[in-house]
Amino acid sequence: MSSTYPVGPSIHFLNVAYFFELLYNLFFGGQFSFDNIGDFFSTLWLFYSLVAILVCIILIGVLVYLMTRIKQIREEDDKKYQTESHEEVHDKLEDSRWTYIKNLIESPKESDWRQAIIEADIMLEEVLRKQGYEGATLGDMLKSSSPTHFRTLNDAWEAHRVRNDIAHRGSEFQLSPNIAYRTINQYENVFREFGEI
């Protein structure tokens, strides 16, 4: 079968009609030769190579896009679900606890002042245990402390005595605003020394 294409240099680059003509000539043209087989497979390989390159370029583009999106999602998740160290969590809890105590002492009610002092005393015991002071009670820890290592020891003692008066004498102990504020300030001095607030 003769070719219907014009004579002269022709471009077979992705020419589908040329590819099928080669295929037809190979099997039905009656001109079986190694040249026909060679032309057919070289055209097939060229077609396959070009399609493979095109698919690779598309897949690389998709891969780059997906990697970029994964990085963005991880950054968003890190901001949203950011994990905090034990120290950071502890500092936040202590700050919120101290804020609660300060709010209580600012209240006009004497019962809130009492509660503020009791809460501050509990916080003081936890701070001293964390610092490595030993003793069954807060009083025992204060007794075993030295002013050389505990600069605000006197403040801690005076504040703890007020807490004991509140706990043991109850309503008999008249807590004035002056004593309440001074006591919370003494607790604050201790907490600042140990870097708790």
N, C-alpha and C. Protein backbone atom coordinates (compact mmCIF):
# COMPACT_ATOMS: atom_id res chain seq x y z
N MET A 1 0.85 -1.19 0.00
CA MET A 1 0.00 0.00 0.00
C MET A 1 0.88 1.23 0.00
N SER A 2 0.57 2.14 -0.90
CA SER A 2 1.39 3.34 -0.99
C SER A 2 0.91 4.38 -0.01
N SER A 3 1.85 5.18 0.41
CA SER A 3 1.53 6.22 1.39
C SER A 3 0.73 7.33 0.73
N THR A 4 -0.23 7.89 1.42
CA THR A 4 -1.06 8.98 0.92
C THR A 4 -0.49 10.33 1.33
N TYR A 5 0.65 10.31 1.99
CA TYR A 5 1.25 11.56 2.46
C TYR A 5 2.13 12.16 1.38
N PRO A 6 2.27 13.46 1.37
CA PRO A 6 3.12 14.10 0.36
C PRO A 6 4.57 13.69 0.54
N VAL A 7 5.27 13.70 -0.57
CA VAL A 7 6.67 13.32 -0.56
C VAL A 7 7.49 14.48 -0.02
N GLY A 8 8.54 14.19 0.69
CA GLY A 8 9.39 15.24 1.24
C GLY A 8 9.62 14.98 2.72
N PRO A 9 10.37 15.82 3.34
CA PRO A 9 10.62 15.60 4.77
C PRO A 9 9.32 15.72 5.55
N SER A 10 9.06 14.72 6.35
CA SER A 10 7.84 14.74 7.16
C SER A 10 8.19 14.64 8.64
N ILE A 11 7.31 15.13 9.42
CA ILE A 11 7.52 15.11 10.88
C ILE A 11 6.64 14.02 11.45
N HIS A 12 7.25 13.07 12.12
CA HIS A 12 6.50 11.96 12.69
C HIS A 12 6.36 12.11 14.20
N PHE A 13 6.67 13.28 14.71
CA PHE A 13 6.65 13.53 16.15
C PHE A 13 5.20 13.54 16.64
N LEU A 14 4.82 12.49 17.33
CA LEU A 14 3.47 12.33 17.85
C LEU A 14 2.41 12.36 16.74
N ASN A 15 2.76 11.85 15.57
CA ASN A 15 1.81 11.78 14.46
C ASN A 15 1.07 10.46 14.59
N VAL A 16 -0.16 10.52 15.09
CA VAL A 16 -0.93 9.31 15.37
C VAL A 16 -1.27 8.57 14.08
N ALA A 17 -1.58 9.32 13.01
CA ALA A 17 -1.92 8.68 11.73
C ALA A 17 -0.72 7.89 11.20
N TYR A 18 0.46 8.46 11.34
CA TYR A 18 1.67 7.77 10.89
C TYR A 18 1.89 6.50 11.71
N PHE A 19 1.64 6.58 13.01
CA PHE A 19 1.81 5.43 13.88
C PHE A 19 0.88 4.30 13.45
N PHE A 20 -0.38 4.61 13.16
CA PHE A 20 -1.33 3.57 12.75
C PHE A 20 -1.03 3.06 11.33
N GLU A 21 -0.49 3.92 10.49
CA GLU A 21 -0.08 3.45 9.17
C GLU A 21 1.03 2.42 9.29
N LEU A 22 2.00 2.69 10.17
CA LEU A 22 3.07 1.71 10.40
C LEU A 22 2.51 0.41 10.94
N LEU A 23 1.57 0.53 11.85
CA LEU A 23 0.96 -0.66 12.43
C LEU A 23 0.23 -1.46 11.36
N TYR A 24 -0.50 -0.77 10.51
CA TYR A 24 -1.23 -1.44 9.42
C TYR A 24 -0.26 -2.10 8.44
N ASN A 25 0.78 -1.36 8.04
CA ASN A 25 1.76 -1.92 7.11
C ASN A 25 2.46 -3.13 7.69
N LEU A 26 2.68 -3.11 8.99
CA LEU A 26 3.39 -4.20 9.62
C LEU A 26 2.59 -5.49 9.55
N PHE A 27 1.28 -5.40 9.81
CA PHE A 27 0.48 -6.61 9.90
C PHE A 27 -0.33 -6.91 8.62
N PHE A 28 -0.76 -5.90 7.90
CA PHE A 28 -1.66 -6.14 6.78
C PHE A 28 -1.12 -5.62 5.43
N GLY A 29 -0.02 -4.97 5.44
CA GLY A 29 0.47 -4.35 4.21
C GLY A 29 1.16 -5.31 3.27
N GLY A 30 1.43 -6.50 3.74
CA GLY A 30 2.06 -7.48 2.88
C GLY A 30 3.53 -7.19 2.66
N GLN A 31 4.05 -6.18 3.31
CA GLN A 31 5.47 -5.84 3.15
C GLN A 31 6.17 -6.05 4.49
N PHE A 32 6.29 -7.27 4.89
CA PHE A 32 6.92 -7.55 6.17
C PHE A 32 8.43 -7.44 6.03
N SER A 33 8.99 -6.49 6.74
CA SER A 33 10.45 -6.34 6.73
C SER A 33 10.89 -5.82 8.09
N PHE A 34 12.18 -5.98 8.33
CA PHE A 34 12.72 -5.52 9.59
C PHE A 34 12.69 -4.00 9.68
N ASP A 35 12.70 -3.35 8.54
CA ASP A 35 12.61 -1.88 8.57
C ASP A 35 11.26 -1.44 9.10
N ASN A 36 10.20 -2.14 8.63
CA ASN A 36 8.86 -1.81 9.14
C ASN A 36 8.75 -2.04 10.65
N ILE A 37 9.31 -3.15 11.09
CA ILE A 37 9.28 -3.46 12.53
C ILE A 37 10.07 -2.41 13.29
N GLY A 38 11.23 -2.07 12.76
CA GLY A 38 12.06 -1.06 13.43
C GLY A 38 11.37 0.29 13.50
N ASP A 39 10.76 0.71 12.38
CA ASP A 39 10.03 1.99 12.38
C ASP A 39 8.88 1.96 13.37
N PHE A 40 8.17 0.82 13.37
CA PHE A 40 7.02 0.72 14.27
C PHE A 40 7.45 0.84 15.73
N PHE A 41 8.48 0.06 16.12
CA PHE A 41 8.88 0.07 17.53
C PHE A 41 9.57 1.37 17.92
N SER A 42 10.30 1.98 17.00
CA SER A 42 10.92 3.27 17.34
C SER A 42 9.85 4.34 17.54
N THR A 43 8.80 4.30 16.70
CA THR A 43 7.70 5.25 16.88
C THR A 43 6.94 4.95 18.16
N LEU A 44 6.73 3.65 18.43
CA LEU A 44 6.05 3.25 19.68
C LEU A 44 6.84 3.70 20.89
N TRP A 45 8.16 3.50 20.85
CA TRP A 45 9.02 3.91 21.97
C TRP A 45 9.00 5.42 22.15
N LEU A 46 9.04 6.17 21.06
CA LEU A 46 8.99 7.62 21.13
C LEU A 46 7.66 8.08 21.75
N PHE A 47 6.57 7.47 21.29
CA PHE A 47 5.25 7.82 21.81
C PHE A 47 5.18 7.50 23.32
N TYR A 48 5.65 6.30 23.69
CA TYR A 48 5.65 5.88 25.09
C TYR A 48 6.52 6.81 25.93
N SER A 49 7.70 7.18 25.40
CA SER A 49 8.61 8.07 26.14
C SER A 49 7.99 9.42 26.40
N LEU A 50 7.36 9.97 25.36
CA LEU A 50 6.74 11.29 25.51
C LEU A 50 5.59 11.26 26.51
N VAL A 51 4.77 10.22 26.44
CA VAL A 51 3.66 10.08 27.41
C VAL A 51 4.22 9.90 28.82
N ALA A 52 5.27 9.09 28.96
CA ALA A 52 5.87 8.85 30.28
C ALA A 52 6.46 10.14 30.85
N ILE A 53 7.12 10.93 29.99
CA ILE A 53 7.68 12.21 30.45
C ILE A 53 6.57 13.15 30.89
N LEU A 54 5.51 13.20 30.11
CA LEU A 54 4.37 14.06 30.45
C LEU A 54 3.74 13.63 31.78
N VAL A 55 3.55 12.32 31.96
CA VAL A 55 2.99 11.81 33.22
C VAL A 55 3.92 12.12 34.39
N CYS A 56 5.23 11.97 34.19
CA CYS A 56 6.20 12.26 35.26
C CYS A 56 6.15 13.73 35.65
N ILE A 57 6.06 14.62 34.66
CA ILE A 57 6.00 16.05 34.97
C ILE A 57 4.74 16.36 35.79
N ILE A 58 3.60 15.75 35.38
CA ILE A 58 2.36 15.96 36.12
C ILE A 58 2.48 15.42 37.54
N LEU A 59 3.05 14.22 37.68
CA LEU A 59 3.20 13.61 39.02
C LEU A 59 4.15 14.40 39.90
N ILE A 60 5.22 14.93 39.31
CA ILE A 60 6.15 15.76 40.10
C ILE A 60 5.44 17.02 40.58
N GLY A 61 4.62 17.63 39.69
CA GLY A 61 3.85 18.80 40.09
C GLY A 61 2.89 18.48 41.23
N VAL A 62 2.20 17.33 41.13
CA VAL A 62 1.28 16.90 42.19
C VAL A 62 2.04 16.65 43.48
N LEU A 63 3.20 16.00 43.37
CA LEU A 63 4.02 15.71 44.55
C LEU A 63 4.48 16.99 45.24
N VAL A 64 4.94 17.97 44.46
CA VAL A 64 5.37 19.25 45.04
C VAL A 64 4.19 19.93 45.75
N TYR A 65 3.03 19.91 45.11
CA TYR A 65 1.84 20.51 45.71
C TYR A 65 1.48 19.82 47.03
N LEU A 66 1.49 18.47 47.00
CA LEU A 66 1.13 17.72 48.21
C LEU A 66 2.12 17.96 49.34
N MET A 67 3.41 17.99 49.01
CA MET A 67 4.42 18.25 50.05
C MET A 67 4.24 19.63 50.66
N THR A 68 3.93 20.61 49.81
CA THR A 68 3.69 21.97 50.31
C THR A 68 2.47 22.00 51.22
N ARG A 69 1.39 21.30 50.82
CA ARG A 69 0.17 21.28 51.64
C ARG A 69 0.41 20.57 52.97
N ILE A 70 1.15 19.45 52.92
CA ILE A 70 1.45 18.72 54.16
C ILE A 70 2.23 19.61 55.12
N LYS A 71 3.21 20.35 54.60
CA LYS A 71 3.99 21.25 55.45
C LYS A 71 3.09 22.33 56.05
N GLN A 72 2.18 22.90 55.25
CA GLN A 72 1.27 23.92 55.76
C GLN A 72 0.35 23.35 56.84
N ILE A 73 -0.17 22.15 56.60
CA ILE A 73 -1.07 21.52 57.57
C ILE A 73 -0.34 21.23 58.87
N ARG A 74 0.90 20.75 58.77
CA ARG A 74 1.69 20.48 60.00
C ARG A 74 1.95 21.75 60.78
N GLU A 75 2.26 22.85 60.08
CA GLU A 75 2.49 24.12 60.76
C GLU A 75 1.21 24.60 61.45
N GLU A 76 0.07 24.44 60.77
CA GLU A 76 -1.21 24.83 61.38
C GLU A 76 -1.51 23.96 62.59
N ASP A 77 -1.25 22.64 62.47
CA ASP A 77 -1.48 21.74 63.59
C ASP A 77 -0.56 22.05 64.76
N ASP A 78 0.71 22.38 64.45
CA ASP A 78 1.65 22.72 65.52
C ASP A 78 1.16 23.93 66.30
N LYS A 79 0.62 24.92 65.57
CA LYS A 79 0.10 26.10 66.26
C LYS A 79 -1.15 25.77 67.06
N LYS A 80 -2.01 24.93 66.47
CA LYS A 80 -3.29 24.62 67.10
C LYS A 80 -3.13 23.66 68.28
N TYR A 81 -2.29 22.65 68.10
CA TYR A 81 -2.13 21.62 69.13
C TYR A 81 -0.73 21.64 69.72
N GLN A 82 -0.20 22.81 69.89
CA GLN A 82 1.17 22.95 70.36
C GLN A 82 1.32 22.33 71.75
N THR A 83 2.28 21.45 71.85
CA THR A 83 2.52 20.81 73.14
C THR A 83 3.41 21.71 73.98
N GLU A 84 3.16 21.67 75.26
CA GLU A 84 3.92 22.51 76.18
C GLU A 84 4.71 21.61 77.12
N SER A 85 5.83 22.11 77.54
CA SER A 85 6.64 21.36 78.48
C SER A 85 5.96 21.36 79.85
N HIS A 86 6.40 20.43 80.69
CA HIS A 86 5.84 20.32 82.05
C HIS A 86 6.03 21.64 82.81
N GLU A 87 7.18 22.26 82.61
CA GLU A 87 7.46 23.52 83.30
C GLU A 87 6.51 24.63 82.85
N GLU A 88 6.23 24.69 81.53
CA GLU A 88 5.32 25.71 81.02
C GLU A 88 3.91 25.52 81.55
N VAL A 89 3.46 24.25 81.58
CA VAL A 89 2.14 23.96 82.12
C VAL A 89 2.08 24.33 83.59
N HIS A 90 3.13 23.97 84.34
CA HIS A 90 3.18 24.28 85.77
C HIS A 90 3.14 25.80 85.99
N ASP A 91 3.93 26.53 85.19
CA ASP A 91 3.96 28.00 85.34
C ASP A 91 2.59 28.60 85.07
N LYS A 92 1.90 28.09 84.05
CA LYS A 92 0.56 28.62 83.74
C LYS A 92 -0.40 28.33 84.87
N LEU A 93 -0.32 27.10 85.42
CA LEU A 93 -1.21 26.76 86.53
C LEU A 93 -0.93 27.63 87.75
N GLU A 94 0.35 27.84 88.04
CA GLU A 94 0.70 28.66 89.19
C GLU A 94 0.27 30.11 88.98
N ASP A 95 0.43 30.60 87.74
CA ASP A 95 -0.01 31.97 87.45
C ASP A 95 -1.51 32.11 87.63
N SER A 96 -2.28 31.14 87.12
CA SER A 96 -3.73 31.22 87.25
C SER A 96 -4.15 31.04 88.70
N ARG A 97 -3.42 30.21 89.43
CA ARG A 97 -3.72 30.02 90.85
C ARG A 97 -3.45 31.30 91.63
N TRP A 98 -2.31 31.92 91.34
CA TRP A 98 -1.98 33.16 92.02
C TRP A 98 -2.96 34.27 91.65
N THR A 99 -3.41 34.29 90.40
CA THR A 99 -4.42 35.26 89.98
C THR A 99 -5.71 35.06 90.76
N TYR A 100 -6.07 33.79 90.98
CA TYR A 100 -7.27 33.48 91.76
C TYR A 100 -7.12 33.99 93.19
N ILE A 101 -5.95 33.79 93.78
CA ILE A 101 -5.69 34.26 95.15
C ILE A 101 -5.76 35.79 95.20
N LYS A 102 -5.17 36.44 94.21
CA LYS A 102 -5.20 37.91 94.18
C LYS A 102 -6.63 38.44 94.02
N ASN A 103 -7.43 37.73 93.23
CA ASN A 103 -8.84 38.13 93.08
C ASN A 103 -9.59 37.99 94.40
N LEU A 104 -9.29 36.92 95.13
CA LEU A 104 -9.95 36.73 96.43
C LEU A 104 -9.58 37.84 97.41
N ILE A 105 -8.32 38.23 97.44
CA ILE A 105 -7.89 39.25 98.40
C ILE A 105 -8.45 40.62 98.04
N GLU A 106 -8.80 40.82 96.77
CA GLU A 106 -9.38 42.09 96.34
C GLU A 106 -10.88 42.18 96.64
N SER A 107 -11.45 41.07 97.07
CA SER A 107 -12.88 41.04 97.37
C SER A 107 -13.19 41.86 98.64
N PRO A 108 -14.39 42.41 98.76
CA PRO A 108 -14.75 43.13 99.99
C PRO A 108 -15.12 42.20 101.15
N LYS A 109 -15.21 40.89 100.88
CA LYS A 109 -15.66 39.94 101.91
C LYS A 109 -14.48 39.38 102.71
N GLU A 110 -14.66 39.33 104.01
CA GLU A 110 -13.62 38.75 104.87
C GLU A 110 -13.45 37.27 104.60
N SER A 111 -14.55 36.58 104.26
CA SER A 111 -14.45 35.14 103.99
C SER A 111 -13.55 34.87 102.79
N ASP A 112 -13.58 35.76 101.80
CA ASP A 112 -12.69 35.60 100.65
C ASP A 112 -11.23 35.84 101.03
N TRP A 113 -11.00 36.78 101.95
CA TRP A 113 -9.62 37.03 102.40
C TRP A 113 -9.08 35.78 103.09
N ARG A 114 -9.92 35.17 103.92
CA ARG A 114 -9.51 33.95 104.63
C ARG A 114 -9.17 32.84 103.62
N GLN A 115 -10.05 32.71 102.62
CA GLN A 115 -9.83 31.70 101.59
C GLN A 115 -8.53 31.97 100.83
N ALA A 116 -8.25 33.24 100.54
CA ALA A 116 -7.03 33.61 99.83
C ALA A 116 -5.79 33.19 100.62
N ILE A 117 -5.82 33.43 101.92
CA ILE A 117 -4.66 33.09 102.77
C ILE A 117 -4.48 31.58 102.86
N ILE A 118 -5.59 30.85 102.99
CA ILE A 118 -5.50 29.39 103.06
C ILE A 118 -4.95 28.83 101.75
N GLU A 119 -5.44 29.34 100.62
CA GLU A 119 -4.94 28.89 99.31
C GLU A 119 -3.46 29.22 99.15
N ALA A 120 -3.06 30.40 99.56
CA ALA A 120 -1.65 30.80 99.45
C ALA A 120 -0.77 29.92 100.32
N ASP A 121 -1.27 29.51 101.47
CA ASP A 121 -0.50 28.64 102.36
C ASP A 121 -0.32 27.25 101.74
N ILE A 122 -1.37 26.75 101.11
CA ILE A 122 -1.27 25.45 100.41
C ILE A 122 -0.24 25.56 99.28
N MET A 123 -0.30 26.67 98.56
CA MET A 123 0.66 26.90 97.47
C MET A 123 2.08 26.98 98.01
N LEU A 124 2.25 27.62 99.16
CA LEU A 124 3.59 27.73 99.77
C LEU A 124 4.14 26.35 100.12
N GLU A 125 3.30 25.49 100.68
CA GLU A 125 3.77 24.15 101.03
C GLU A 125 4.22 23.40 99.78
N GLU A 126 3.46 23.51 98.69
CA GLU A 126 3.84 22.84 97.45
C GLU A 126 5.14 23.40 96.88
N VAL A 127 5.31 24.70 96.97
CA VAL A 127 6.54 25.33 96.47
C VAL A 127 7.75 24.83 97.25
N LEU A 128 7.62 24.77 98.57
CA LEU A 128 8.76 24.33 99.39
C LEU A 128 9.08 22.85 99.14
N ARG A 129 8.05 22.03 98.96
CA ARG A 129 8.31 20.61 98.65
C ARG A 129 9.03 20.49 97.31
N LYS A 130 8.60 21.30 96.37
CA LYS A 130 9.24 21.29 95.06
C LYS A 130 10.70 21.72 95.16
N GLN A 131 10.99 22.64 96.08
CA GLN A 131 12.37 23.11 96.27
C GLN A 131 13.23 22.12 97.06
N GLY A 132 12.61 21.05 97.55
CA GLY A 132 13.37 20.01 98.24
C GLY A 132 13.37 20.12 99.76
N TYR A 133 12.56 20.99 100.32
CA TYR A 133 12.47 21.10 101.78
C TYR A 133 11.70 19.89 102.31
N GLU A 134 12.16 19.38 103.45
CA GLU A 134 11.55 18.18 104.01
C GLU A 134 10.83 18.50 105.31
N GLY A 135 9.79 17.70 105.57
CA GLY A 135 9.01 17.86 106.79
C GLY A 135 7.60 17.37 106.56
N ALA A 136 6.96 16.91 107.64
CA ALA A 136 5.60 16.37 107.52
C ALA A 136 4.60 17.48 107.25
N THR A 137 4.86 18.65 107.81
CA THR A 137 3.94 19.78 107.63
C THR A 137 4.73 20.99 107.15
N LEU A 138 4.00 22.03 106.79
CA LEU A 138 4.67 23.27 106.37
C LEU A 138 5.48 23.84 107.53
N GLY A 139 4.94 23.77 108.72
CA GLY A 139 5.67 24.24 109.91
C GLY A 139 7.00 23.54 110.07
N ASP A 140 7.01 22.21 109.87
CA ASP A 140 8.25 21.44 109.98
C ASP A 140 9.26 21.87 108.92
N MET A 141 8.77 22.14 107.71
CA MET A 141 9.68 22.58 106.64
C MET A 141 10.28 23.95 106.99
N LEU A 142 9.47 24.83 107.54
CA LEU A 142 9.97 26.16 107.90
C LEU A 142 10.98 26.08 109.05
N LYS A 143 10.74 25.17 109.99
CA LYS A 143 11.67 25.01 111.13
C LYS A 143 13.03 24.53 110.65
N SER A 144 13.04 23.67 109.63
CA SER A 144 14.32 23.11 109.16
C SER A 144 15.01 24.03 108.15
N SER A 145 14.42 25.19 107.88
CA SER A 145 15.00 26.10 106.88
C SER A 145 15.97 27.08 107.52
N SER A 146 16.88 27.56 106.68
CA SER A 146 17.88 28.52 107.14
C SER A 146 17.72 29.83 106.39
N PRO A 147 17.78 30.97 107.09
CA PRO A 147 17.64 32.27 106.41
C PRO A 147 18.73 32.53 105.35
N THR A 148 19.84 31.80 105.45
CA THR A 148 20.90 32.01 104.46
C THR A 148 20.49 31.46 103.08
N HIS A 149 19.65 30.41 103.07
CA HIS A 149 19.19 29.83 101.82
C HIS A 149 17.73 30.22 101.51
N PHE A 150 17.10 30.86 102.48
CA PHE A 150 15.67 31.19 102.36
C PHE A 150 15.51 32.61 102.88
N ARG A 151 15.77 33.58 101.99
CA ARG A 151 15.80 34.99 102.41
C ARG A 151 14.47 35.48 102.98
N THR A 152 13.37 34.95 102.49
CA THR A 152 12.04 35.43 102.93
C THR A 152 11.43 34.48 103.97
N LEU A 153 12.29 33.82 104.74
CA LEU A 153 11.82 32.86 105.74
C LEU A 153 10.91 33.54 106.77
N ASN A 154 11.26 34.75 107.22
CA ASN A 154 10.43 35.45 108.20
C ASN A 154 9.05 35.77 107.63
N ASP A 155 9.01 36.19 106.36
CA ASP A 155 7.71 36.43 105.72
C ASP A 155 6.87 35.16 105.70
N ALA A 156 7.51 34.04 105.38
CA ALA A 156 6.79 32.76 105.33
C ALA A 156 6.24 32.39 106.69
N TRP A 157 7.06 32.60 107.75
CA TRP A 157 6.60 32.28 109.12
C TRP A 157 5.41 33.15 109.51
N GLU A 158 5.52 34.45 109.30
CA GLU A 158 4.44 35.35 109.71
C GLU A 158 3.15 35.05 108.95
N ALA A 159 3.25 34.79 107.65
CA ALA A 159 2.07 34.47 106.86
C ALA A 159 1.46 33.14 107.32
N HIS A 160 2.30 32.16 107.61
CA HIS A 160 1.81 30.86 108.06
C HIS A 160 1.13 30.97 109.43
N ARG A 161 1.62 31.85 110.29
CA ARG A 161 0.98 32.04 111.61
C ARG A 161 -0.43 32.61 111.43
N VAL A 162 -0.59 33.54 110.51
CA VAL A 162 -1.94 34.09 110.25
C VAL A 162 -2.85 32.99 109.73
N ARG A 163 -2.33 32.15 108.84
CA ARG A 163 -3.13 31.02 108.34
C ARG A 163 -3.53 30.10 109.49
N ASN A 164 -2.61 29.82 110.43
CA ASN A 164 -2.94 28.97 111.57
C ASN A 164 -4.02 29.61 112.45
N ASP A 165 -3.95 30.93 112.64
CA ASP A 165 -4.99 31.62 113.41
C ASP A 165 -6.35 31.46 112.74
N ILE A 166 -6.38 31.59 111.43
CA ILE A 166 -7.63 31.43 110.68
C ILE A 166 -8.15 30.00 110.83
N ALA A 167 -7.24 29.01 110.69
CA ALA A 167 -7.65 27.61 110.71
C ALA A 167 -8.06 27.14 112.11
N HIS A 168 -7.35 27.59 113.15
CA HIS A 168 -7.58 27.06 114.49
C HIS A 168 -8.54 27.91 115.33
N ARG A 169 -8.52 29.20 115.14
CA ARG A 169 -9.38 30.08 115.96
C ARG A 169 -10.71 30.40 115.27
N GLY A 170 -10.76 30.19 113.96
CA GLY A 170 -12.00 30.38 113.22
C GLY A 170 -12.50 31.81 113.28
N SER A 171 -13.79 31.96 113.60
CA SER A 171 -14.41 33.29 113.61
C SER A 171 -13.93 34.15 114.77
N GLU A 172 -13.31 33.55 115.77
CA GLU A 172 -12.77 34.34 116.88
C GLU A 172 -11.65 35.26 116.40
N PHE A 173 -10.96 34.79 115.38
CA PHE A 173 -9.85 35.60 114.86
C PHE A 173 -10.41 36.64 113.90
N GLN A 174 -10.26 37.89 114.26
CA GLN A 174 -10.74 38.99 113.43
C GLN A 174 -9.67 39.35 112.41
N LEU A 175 -9.96 39.11 111.14
CA LEU A 175 -9.00 39.37 110.07
C LEU A 175 -9.29 40.73 109.47
N SER A 176 -8.43 41.69 109.75
CA SER A 176 -8.62 43.03 109.21
C SER A 176 -8.08 43.10 107.79
N PRO A 177 -8.55 44.08 107.01
CA PRO A 177 -8.01 44.23 105.64
C PRO A 177 -6.50 44.43 105.64
N ASN A 178 -6.00 45.17 106.63
CA ASN A 178 -4.57 45.44 106.71
C ASN A 178 -3.77 44.15 106.89
N ILE A 179 -4.22 43.29 107.80
CA ILE A 179 -3.52 42.01 108.06
C ILE A 179 -3.63 41.11 106.83
N ALA A 180 -4.81 41.07 106.20
CA ALA A 180 -5.02 40.21 105.04
C ALA A 180 -4.09 40.61 103.89
N TYR A 181 -4.04 41.89 103.57
CA TYR A 181 -3.17 42.36 102.48
C TYR A 181 -1.69 42.12 102.79
N ARG A 182 -1.31 42.42 104.05
CA ARG A 182 0.08 42.23 104.43
C ARG A 182 0.48 40.75 104.30
N THR A 183 -0.42 39.86 104.73
CA THR A 183 -0.14 38.42 104.68
C THR A 183 0.03 37.94 103.24
N ILE A 184 -0.86 38.38 102.35
CA ILE A 184 -0.73 37.98 100.94
C ILE A 184 0.55 38.54 100.34
N ASN A 185 0.93 39.75 100.73
CA ASN A 185 2.20 40.32 100.25
C ASN A 185 3.39 39.50 100.72
N GLN A 186 3.30 38.96 101.95
CA GLN A 186 4.39 38.12 102.46
C GLN A 186 4.49 36.82 101.66
N TYR A 187 3.34 36.21 101.38
CA TYR A 187 3.36 35.02 100.52
C TYR A 187 3.96 35.37 99.15
N GLU A 188 3.58 36.51 98.63
CA GLU A 188 4.07 36.93 97.31
C GLU A 188 5.59 37.08 97.32
N ASN A 189 6.13 37.64 98.40
CA ASN A 189 7.59 37.78 98.51
C ASN A 189 8.28 36.42 98.42
N VAL A 190 7.70 35.43 99.10
CA VAL A 190 8.29 34.08 99.09
C VAL A 190 8.21 33.50 97.67
N PHE A 191 7.05 33.61 97.05
CA PHE A 191 6.88 33.03 95.71
C PHE A 191 7.81 33.68 94.70
N ARG A 192 8.03 34.97 94.87
CA ARG A 192 8.95 35.65 93.94
C ARG A 192 10.39 35.19 94.16
N GLU A 193 10.74 34.95 95.41
CA GLU A 193 12.10 34.48 95.68
C GLU A 193 12.38 33.15 94.96
N PHE A 194 11.37 32.27 94.95
CA PHE A 194 11.55 30.96 94.33
C PHE A 194 11.13 30.92 92.86
N GLY A 195 10.82 32.08 92.32
CA GLY A 195 10.50 32.17 90.89
C GLY A 195 9.18 31.51 90.50
N GLU A 196 8.24 31.46 91.42
CA GLU A 196 6.96 30.82 91.13
C GLU A 196 5.97 31.77 90.47
N ILE A 197 6.16 33.06 90.68
CA ILE A 197 5.28 34.06 90.04
C ILE A 197 6.14 35.16 89.45
